[in-house]
Amino acid sequence: WLAQLARRSGRALRWNEDRTLALGGGFAQAITS
């Protein structure tokens, strides 16, 4: 599922870079905390 998420994030990144980075950052923090 992680590969799917990365692909989806890549698509969203092209549409709305700031929002995707913010969501990605929050997601990464949740994973690593």
N, C-alpha and C. Protein backbone atom coordinates (compact mmCIF):
# COMPACT_ATOMS: atom_id res chain seq x y z
N TRP A 1 0.84 -1.21 0.00
CA TRP A 1 0.00 0.00 0.00
C TRP A 1 0.87 1.26 0.00
N LEU A 2 2.10 1.11 0.48
CA LEU A 2 2.98 2.28 0.58
C LEU A 2 3.34 2.82 -0.81
N ALA A 3 3.54 1.91 -1.73
CA ALA A 3 3.85 2.34 -3.11
C ALA A 3 2.66 3.09 -3.71
N GLN A 4 1.46 2.61 -3.43
CA GLN A 4 0.25 3.29 -3.92
C GLN A 4 0.17 4.71 -3.33
N LEU A 5 0.44 4.80 -2.03
CA LEU A 5 0.40 6.10 -1.35
C LEU A 5 1.41 7.06 -1.97
N ALA A 6 2.61 6.56 -2.23
CA ALA A 6 3.65 7.40 -2.83
C ALA A 6 3.22 7.88 -4.21
N ARG A 7 2.59 6.99 -4.99
CA ARG A 7 2.14 7.37 -6.32
C ARG A 7 1.04 8.42 -6.23
N ARG A 8 0.12 8.20 -5.28
CA ARG A 8 -0.98 9.15 -5.09
C ARG A 8 -0.43 10.50 -4.63
N SER A 9 0.55 10.46 -3.73
CA SER A 9 1.15 11.70 -3.22
C SER A 9 1.86 12.44 -4.35
N GLY A 10 2.52 11.70 -5.23
CA GLY A 10 3.21 12.31 -6.35
C GLY A 10 2.25 13.04 -7.26
N ARG A 11 1.06 12.44 -7.47
CA ARG A 11 0.04 13.07 -8.30
C ARG A 11 -0.49 14.33 -7.61
N ALA A 12 -0.77 14.21 -6.32
CA ALA A 12 -1.28 15.36 -5.56
C ALA A 12 -0.24 16.47 -5.51
N LEU A 13 1.03 16.08 -5.46
CA LEU A 13 2.10 17.06 -5.39
C LEU A 13 2.05 18.00 -6.60
N ARG A 14 1.72 17.43 -7.76
CA ARG A 14 1.63 18.26 -8.95
C ARG A 14 0.43 19.20 -8.87
N TRP A 15 -0.63 18.76 -8.21
CA TRP A 15 -1.83 19.58 -8.12
C TRP A 15 -1.68 20.66 -7.05
N ASN A 16 -1.19 20.26 -5.88
CA ASN A 16 -1.14 21.19 -4.75
C ASN A 16 0.07 20.85 -3.88
N GLU A 17 1.20 21.40 -4.25
CA GLU A 17 2.47 21.04 -3.62
C GLU A 17 2.46 21.32 -2.13
N ASP A 18 2.01 22.51 -1.74
CA ASP A 18 2.05 22.89 -0.32
C ASP A 18 1.22 21.95 0.53
N ARG A 19 0.00 21.66 0.08
CA ARG A 19 -0.88 20.81 0.89
C ARG A 19 -0.29 19.40 1.02
N THR A 20 0.25 18.88 -0.07
CA THR A 20 0.80 17.53 -0.04
C THR A 20 2.01 17.45 0.88
N LEU A 21 2.84 18.48 0.84
CA LEU A 21 4.02 18.49 1.72
C LEU A 21 3.59 18.56 3.18
N ALA A 22 2.56 19.36 3.46
CA ALA A 22 2.08 19.48 4.84
C ALA A 22 1.51 18.14 5.32
N LEU A 23 0.70 17.50 4.47
CA LEU A 23 0.13 16.20 4.82
C LEU A 23 1.23 15.16 4.95
N GLY A 24 2.17 15.16 4.02
CA GLY A 24 3.28 14.21 4.05
C GLY A 24 4.12 14.38 5.31
N GLY A 25 4.37 15.64 5.69
CA GLY A 25 5.15 15.92 6.89
C GLY A 25 4.45 15.41 8.13
N GLY A 26 3.13 15.66 8.22
CA GLY A 26 2.36 15.18 9.36
C GLY A 26 2.33 13.67 9.41
N PHE A 27 2.21 13.04 8.23
CA PHE A 27 2.19 11.59 8.13
C PHE A 27 3.52 11.01 8.60
N ALA A 28 4.61 11.61 8.15
CA ALA A 28 5.94 11.14 8.54
C ALA A 28 6.15 11.27 10.04
N GLN A 29 5.69 12.38 10.60
CA GLN A 29 5.83 12.59 12.05
C GLN A 29 5.04 11.54 12.82
N ALA A 30 3.83 11.22 12.35
CA ALA A 30 3.00 10.22 13.02
C ALA A 30 3.68 8.85 12.98
N ILE A 31 4.33 8.55 11.86
CA ILE A 31 5.02 7.26 11.72
C ILE A 31 6.24 7.17 12.64
N THR A 32 7.00 8.26 12.72
CA THR A 32 8.28 8.21 13.43
C THR A 32 8.15 8.48 14.92
N SER A 33 7.03 9.04 15.36
CA SER A 33 6.89 9.39 16.77
C SER A 33 6.57 8.18 17.64
